[in-house]
Amino acid sequence: MIELEPDAIWTKILDWFNNYQLNPSPETTISLSLIYINTRNLVELFKFLRKFEKMNPNISKVSVNWICETGDFDMADIGADINVLTTLPVKTFFREAYRKSA
């Protein structure tokens, strides 16, 4: 596994978006499944989602699937915040917690 600094990760994501917006799919679904997110990355995630908000809805219909572990109320709250703070439709899905075997 390659670990990158947050700035490098977001640079790669934004580079991808800049290329994607040149020829987006008619429907775009962003599926996010995070175990942890810090404030810095949450700010960057909102910037990323705002770019999708600015895309012409006649060109691409964008929605978000927010996937969190059952019982992770903090992550569920972040999904609810995304739904309120963006114009993108957000669906929250719950999955069983990932458990490492000993």
N, C-alpha and C. Protein backbone atom coordinates (compact mmCIF):
# COMPACT_ATOMS: atom_id res chain seq x y z
N MET A 1 0.85 -1.18 0.00
CA MET A 1 0.00 0.00 0.00
C MET A 1 0.89 1.24 0.00
N ILE A 2 0.53 2.18 -0.84
CA ILE A 2 1.28 3.43 -0.93
C ILE A 2 0.55 4.48 -0.12
N GLU A 3 1.28 5.12 0.78
CA GLU A 3 0.67 6.19 1.57
C GLU A 3 1.13 7.53 1.00
N LEU A 4 0.17 8.41 0.78
CA LEU A 4 0.46 9.73 0.25
C LEU A 4 0.04 10.78 1.26
N GLU A 5 0.70 11.91 1.20
CA GLU A 5 0.31 13.04 2.02
C GLU A 5 -1.05 13.55 1.53
N PRO A 6 -1.86 14.13 2.43
CA PRO A 6 -3.19 14.61 2.02
C PRO A 6 -3.17 15.52 0.80
N ASP A 7 -2.20 16.43 0.72
CA ASP A 7 -2.16 17.33 -0.44
C ASP A 7 -1.96 16.55 -1.73
N ALA A 8 -1.12 15.53 -1.69
CA ALA A 8 -0.87 14.72 -2.89
C ALA A 8 -2.12 13.94 -3.28
N ILE A 9 -2.83 13.42 -2.31
CA ILE A 9 -4.07 12.68 -2.60
C ILE A 9 -5.09 13.59 -3.25
N TRP A 10 -5.32 14.76 -2.65
CA TRP A 10 -6.34 15.66 -3.19
C TRP A 10 -5.92 16.24 -4.54
N THR A 11 -4.63 16.42 -4.76
CA THR A 11 -4.16 16.87 -6.07
C THR A 11 -4.51 15.83 -7.12
N LYS A 12 -4.29 14.55 -6.82
CA LYS A 12 -4.63 13.48 -7.76
C LYS A 12 -6.14 13.42 -8.01
N ILE A 13 -6.92 13.57 -6.96
CA ILE A 13 -8.38 13.53 -7.10
C ILE A 13 -8.87 14.70 -7.95
N LEU A 14 -8.35 15.89 -7.70
CA LEU A 14 -8.78 17.06 -8.47
C LEU A 14 -8.29 16.99 -9.91
N ASP A 15 -7.11 16.42 -10.14
CA ASP A 15 -6.65 16.21 -11.52
C ASP A 15 -7.60 15.26 -12.24
N TRP A 16 -8.00 14.19 -11.54
CA TRP A 16 -8.96 13.25 -12.13
C TRP A 16 -10.26 13.98 -12.48
N PHE A 17 -10.77 14.79 -11.56
CA PHE A 17 -12.02 15.51 -11.80
C PHE A 17 -11.90 16.44 -13.01
N ASN A 18 -10.80 17.16 -13.10
CA ASN A 18 -10.61 18.09 -14.22
C ASN A 18 -10.68 17.35 -15.55
N ASN A 19 -10.15 16.14 -15.62
CA ASN A 19 -10.24 15.34 -16.84
C ASN A 19 -11.66 14.79 -17.02
N TYR A 20 -12.27 14.35 -15.93
CA TYR A 20 -13.60 13.74 -15.99
C TYR A 20 -14.66 14.74 -16.47
N GLN A 21 -14.58 15.97 -16.01
CA GLN A 21 -15.61 16.94 -16.36
C GLN A 21 -15.59 17.30 -17.84
N LEU A 22 -14.51 16.98 -18.53
CA LEU A 22 -14.45 17.24 -19.97
C LEU A 22 -15.39 16.32 -20.75
N ASN A 23 -15.65 15.13 -20.20
CA ASN A 23 -16.54 14.17 -20.86
C ASN A 23 -17.22 13.30 -19.79
N PRO A 24 -18.10 13.89 -18.98
CA PRO A 24 -18.72 13.12 -17.90
C PRO A 24 -19.78 12.16 -18.40
N SER A 25 -20.05 11.14 -17.61
CA SER A 25 -21.14 10.23 -17.90
C SER A 25 -22.47 10.96 -17.70
N PRO A 26 -23.54 10.50 -18.37
CA PRO A 26 -24.85 11.15 -18.18
C PRO A 26 -25.33 11.07 -16.72
N GLU A 27 -24.93 10.02 -16.04
CA GLU A 27 -25.24 9.88 -14.62
C GLU A 27 -23.97 9.52 -13.89
N THR A 28 -23.69 10.24 -12.81
CA THR A 28 -22.49 10.02 -12.03
C THR A 28 -22.90 9.74 -10.59
N THR A 29 -22.43 8.62 -10.07
CA THR A 29 -22.67 8.29 -8.66
C THR A 29 -21.33 8.24 -7.95
N ILE A 30 -21.20 9.04 -6.92
CA ILE A 30 -20.00 9.07 -6.10
C ILE A 30 -20.28 8.22 -4.88
N SER A 31 -19.60 7.10 -4.74
CA SER A 31 -19.79 6.22 -3.59
C SER A 31 -18.62 6.41 -2.63
N LEU A 32 -18.93 6.81 -1.42
CA LEU A 32 -17.90 7.07 -0.42
C LEU A 32 -18.11 6.15 0.78
N SER A 33 -17.09 5.40 1.11
CA SER A 33 -17.12 4.51 2.27
C SER A 33 -15.87 4.79 3.08
N LEU A 34 -16.00 5.57 4.13
CA LEU A 34 -14.86 5.98 4.93
C LEU A 34 -14.99 5.44 6.34
N ILE A 35 -13.89 5.03 6.90
CA ILE A 35 -13.88 4.58 8.28
C ILE A 35 -13.56 5.75 9.21
N TYR A 36 -12.74 6.66 8.70
CA TYR A 36 -12.31 7.82 9.48
C TYR A 36 -12.08 8.98 8.53
N ILE A 37 -12.40 10.17 8.98
CA ILE A 37 -12.06 11.38 8.22
C ILE A 37 -11.75 12.49 9.22
N ASN A 38 -10.66 13.20 8.95
CA ASN A 38 -10.32 14.32 9.82
C ASN A 38 -10.85 15.62 9.21
N THR A 39 -10.72 16.69 9.96
CA THR A 39 -11.29 17.97 9.54
C THR A 39 -10.69 18.44 8.23
N ARG A 40 -9.40 18.33 8.09
CA ARG A 40 -8.70 18.78 6.88
C ARG A 40 -9.26 18.08 5.64
N ASN A 41 -9.40 16.75 5.72
CA ASN A 41 -9.91 16.00 4.58
C ASN A 41 -11.40 16.21 4.36
N LEU A 42 -12.12 16.50 5.42
CA LEU A 42 -13.54 16.80 5.27
C LEU A 42 -13.73 18.11 4.49
N VAL A 43 -12.89 19.09 4.77
CA VAL A 43 -12.92 20.36 4.01
C VAL A 43 -12.64 20.08 2.54
N GLU A 44 -11.63 19.27 2.26
CA GLU A 44 -11.28 18.95 0.87
C GLU A 44 -12.39 18.16 0.19
N LEU A 45 -13.03 17.26 0.93
CA LEU A 45 -14.15 16.49 0.38
C LEU A 45 -15.28 17.42 -0.03
N PHE A 46 -15.60 18.40 0.81
CA PHE A 46 -16.65 19.36 0.46
C PHE A 46 -16.27 20.17 -0.77
N LYS A 47 -15.00 20.56 -0.89
CA LYS A 47 -14.56 21.29 -2.09
C LYS A 47 -14.76 20.43 -3.33
N PHE A 48 -14.42 19.15 -3.21
CA PHE A 48 -14.57 18.20 -4.31
C PHE A 48 -16.03 18.07 -4.71
N LEU A 49 -16.92 17.90 -3.71
CA LEU A 49 -18.34 17.75 -4.01
C LEU A 49 -18.92 19.03 -4.60
N ARG A 50 -18.42 20.17 -4.18
CA ARG A 50 -18.89 21.44 -4.73
C ARG A 50 -18.59 21.53 -6.23
N LYS A 51 -17.48 20.94 -6.65
CA LYS A 51 -17.16 20.92 -8.08
C LYS A 51 -18.22 20.15 -8.86
N PHE A 52 -18.71 19.06 -8.29
CA PHE A 52 -19.78 18.30 -8.94
C PHE A 52 -21.08 19.09 -8.94
N GLU A 53 -21.31 19.86 -7.88
CA GLU A 53 -22.52 20.71 -7.84
C GLU A 53 -22.54 21.70 -9.00
N LYS A 54 -21.36 22.19 -9.38
CA LYS A 54 -21.26 23.21 -10.41
C LYS A 54 -21.37 22.65 -11.82
N MET A 55 -21.34 21.32 -11.94
CA MET A 55 -21.49 20.73 -13.27
C MET A 55 -22.92 20.96 -13.75
N ASN A 56 -23.07 21.13 -15.02
CA ASN A 56 -24.38 21.35 -15.61
C ASN A 56 -25.24 20.10 -15.45
N PRO A 57 -26.39 20.19 -14.75
CA PRO A 57 -27.24 19.01 -14.55
C PRO A 57 -27.81 18.44 -15.85
N ASN A 58 -27.80 19.23 -16.92
CA ASN A 58 -28.26 18.72 -18.21
C ASN A 58 -27.21 17.81 -18.85
N ILE A 59 -25.98 17.92 -18.37
CA ILE A 59 -24.90 17.10 -18.91
C ILE A 59 -24.70 15.84 -18.08
N SER A 60 -24.74 15.98 -16.77
CA SER A 60 -24.53 14.83 -15.90
C SER A 60 -25.34 14.98 -14.61
N LYS A 61 -26.15 13.98 -14.33
CA LYS A 61 -26.90 13.93 -13.08
C LYS A 61 -25.98 13.28 -12.04
N VAL A 62 -25.72 13.99 -10.94
CA VAL A 62 -24.76 13.53 -9.94
C VAL A 62 -25.48 13.20 -8.64
N SER A 63 -25.11 12.06 -8.04
CA SER A 63 -25.65 11.69 -6.73
C SER A 63 -24.52 11.09 -5.89
N VAL A 64 -24.75 11.01 -4.59
CA VAL A 64 -23.74 10.52 -3.65
C VAL A 64 -24.33 9.36 -2.86
N ASN A 65 -23.56 8.27 -2.79
CA ASN A 65 -23.86 7.17 -1.88
C ASN A 65 -22.88 7.28 -0.72
N TRP A 66 -23.39 7.50 0.47
CA TRP A 66 -22.58 7.62 1.67
C TRP A 66 -22.72 6.30 2.43
N ILE A 67 -21.65 5.55 2.52
CA ILE A 67 -21.68 4.22 3.10
C ILE A 67 -20.91 4.25 4.41
N CYS A 68 -21.59 3.87 5.50
CA CYS A 68 -20.91 3.86 6.80
C CYS A 68 -21.27 2.60 7.56
N GLU A 69 -20.46 2.31 8.55
CA GLU A 69 -20.68 1.11 9.34
C GLU A 69 -21.91 1.27 10.23
N THR A 70 -22.63 0.18 10.38
CA THR A 70 -23.79 0.18 11.27
C THR A 70 -23.34 0.63 12.66
N GLY A 71 -24.04 1.58 13.22
CA GLY A 71 -23.71 2.07 14.56
C GLY A 71 -22.71 3.22 14.58
N ASP A 72 -22.15 3.59 13.44
CA ASP A 72 -21.20 4.70 13.40
C ASP A 72 -21.99 5.99 13.16
N PHE A 73 -22.48 6.53 14.25
CA PHE A 73 -23.37 7.69 14.18
C PHE A 73 -22.63 8.94 13.72
N ASP A 74 -21.34 9.05 14.04
CA ASP A 74 -20.58 10.21 13.60
C ASP A 74 -20.50 10.26 12.07
N MET A 75 -20.19 9.12 11.46
CA MET A 75 -20.12 9.08 9.99
C MET A 75 -21.51 9.27 9.38
N ALA A 76 -22.53 8.72 9.99
CA ALA A 76 -23.89 8.91 9.49
C ALA A 76 -24.25 10.40 9.54
N ASP A 77 -23.82 11.09 10.60
CA ASP A 77 -24.08 12.52 10.72
C ASP A 77 -23.37 13.31 9.62
N ILE A 78 -22.15 12.89 9.27
CA ILE A 78 -21.43 13.58 8.19
C ILE A 78 -22.19 13.41 6.88
N GLY A 79 -22.71 12.22 6.64
CA GLY A 79 -23.52 12.01 5.43
C GLY A 79 -24.74 12.92 5.42
N ALA A 80 -25.38 13.06 6.58
CA ALA A 80 -26.54 13.96 6.69
C ALA A 80 -26.12 15.41 6.44
N ASP A 81 -24.94 15.78 6.95
CA ASP A 81 -24.43 17.14 6.72
C ASP A 81 -24.18 17.39 5.24
N ILE A 82 -23.61 16.41 4.55
CA ILE A 82 -23.37 16.56 3.12
C ILE A 82 -24.69 16.78 2.39
N ASN A 83 -25.71 16.05 2.80
CA ASN A 83 -27.03 16.18 2.19
C ASN A 83 -27.59 17.58 2.38
N VAL A 84 -27.36 18.16 3.54
CA VAL A 84 -27.89 19.49 3.85
C VAL A 84 -27.04 20.60 3.23
N LEU A 85 -25.72 20.41 3.22
CA LEU A 85 -24.81 21.48 2.81
C LEU A 85 -24.47 21.49 1.33
N THR A 86 -24.95 20.50 0.60
CA THR A 86 -24.77 20.50 -0.85
C THR A 86 -26.13 20.33 -1.51
N THR A 87 -26.17 20.56 -2.79
CA THR A 87 -27.41 20.34 -3.53
C THR A 87 -27.47 18.94 -4.12
N LEU A 88 -26.43 18.15 -3.86
CA LEU A 88 -26.39 16.79 -4.40
C LEU A 88 -27.28 15.87 -3.57
N PRO A 89 -28.04 15.00 -4.23
CA PRO A 89 -28.83 14.04 -3.47
C PRO A 89 -27.91 12.99 -2.85
N VAL A 90 -28.10 12.75 -1.55
CA VAL A 90 -27.26 11.81 -0.81
C VAL A 90 -28.12 10.69 -0.25
N LYS A 91 -27.70 9.45 -0.51
CA LYS A 91 -28.34 8.28 0.09
C LYS A 91 -27.34 7.68 1.05
N THR A 92 -27.78 7.41 2.27
CA THR A 92 -26.91 6.78 3.27
C THR A 92 -27.20 5.29 3.33
N PHE A 93 -26.14 4.51 3.28
CA PHE A 93 -26.24 3.06 3.39
C PHE A 93 -25.39 2.60 4.56
N PHE A 94 -25.85 1.56 5.23
CA PHE A 94 -25.11 1.01 6.35
C PHE A 94 -24.63 -0.39 6.00
N ARG A 95 -23.43 -0.71 6.46
CA ARG A 95 -22.86 -2.04 6.27
C ARG A 95 -22.29 -2.51 7.60
N GLU A 96 -22.11 -3.81 7.69
CA GLU A 96 -21.52 -4.37 8.90
C GLU A 96 -20.09 -3.88 9.04
N ALA A 97 -19.66 -3.74 10.27
CA ALA A 97 -18.30 -3.26 10.54
C ALA A 97 -17.28 -4.27 10.05
N TYR A 98 -16.20 -3.75 9.49
CA TYR A 98 -15.10 -4.59 9.04
C TYR A 98 -14.33 -5.05 10.27
N ARG A 99 -14.05 -6.32 10.36
CA ARG A 99 -13.30 -6.86 11.49
C ARG A 99 -12.08 -7.61 10.97
N LYS A 100 -10.92 -7.26 11.52
CA LYS A 100 -9.71 -7.98 11.17
C LYS A 100 -9.66 -9.28 11.94
N SER A 101 -9.21 -10.33 11.27
CA SER A 101 -9.04 -11.59 11.99
C SER A 101 -7.73 -11.55 12.75
N ALA A 102 -7.71 -12.20 13.90
CA ALA A 102 -6.53 -12.16 14.78
C ALA A 102 -5.40 -13.02 14.25
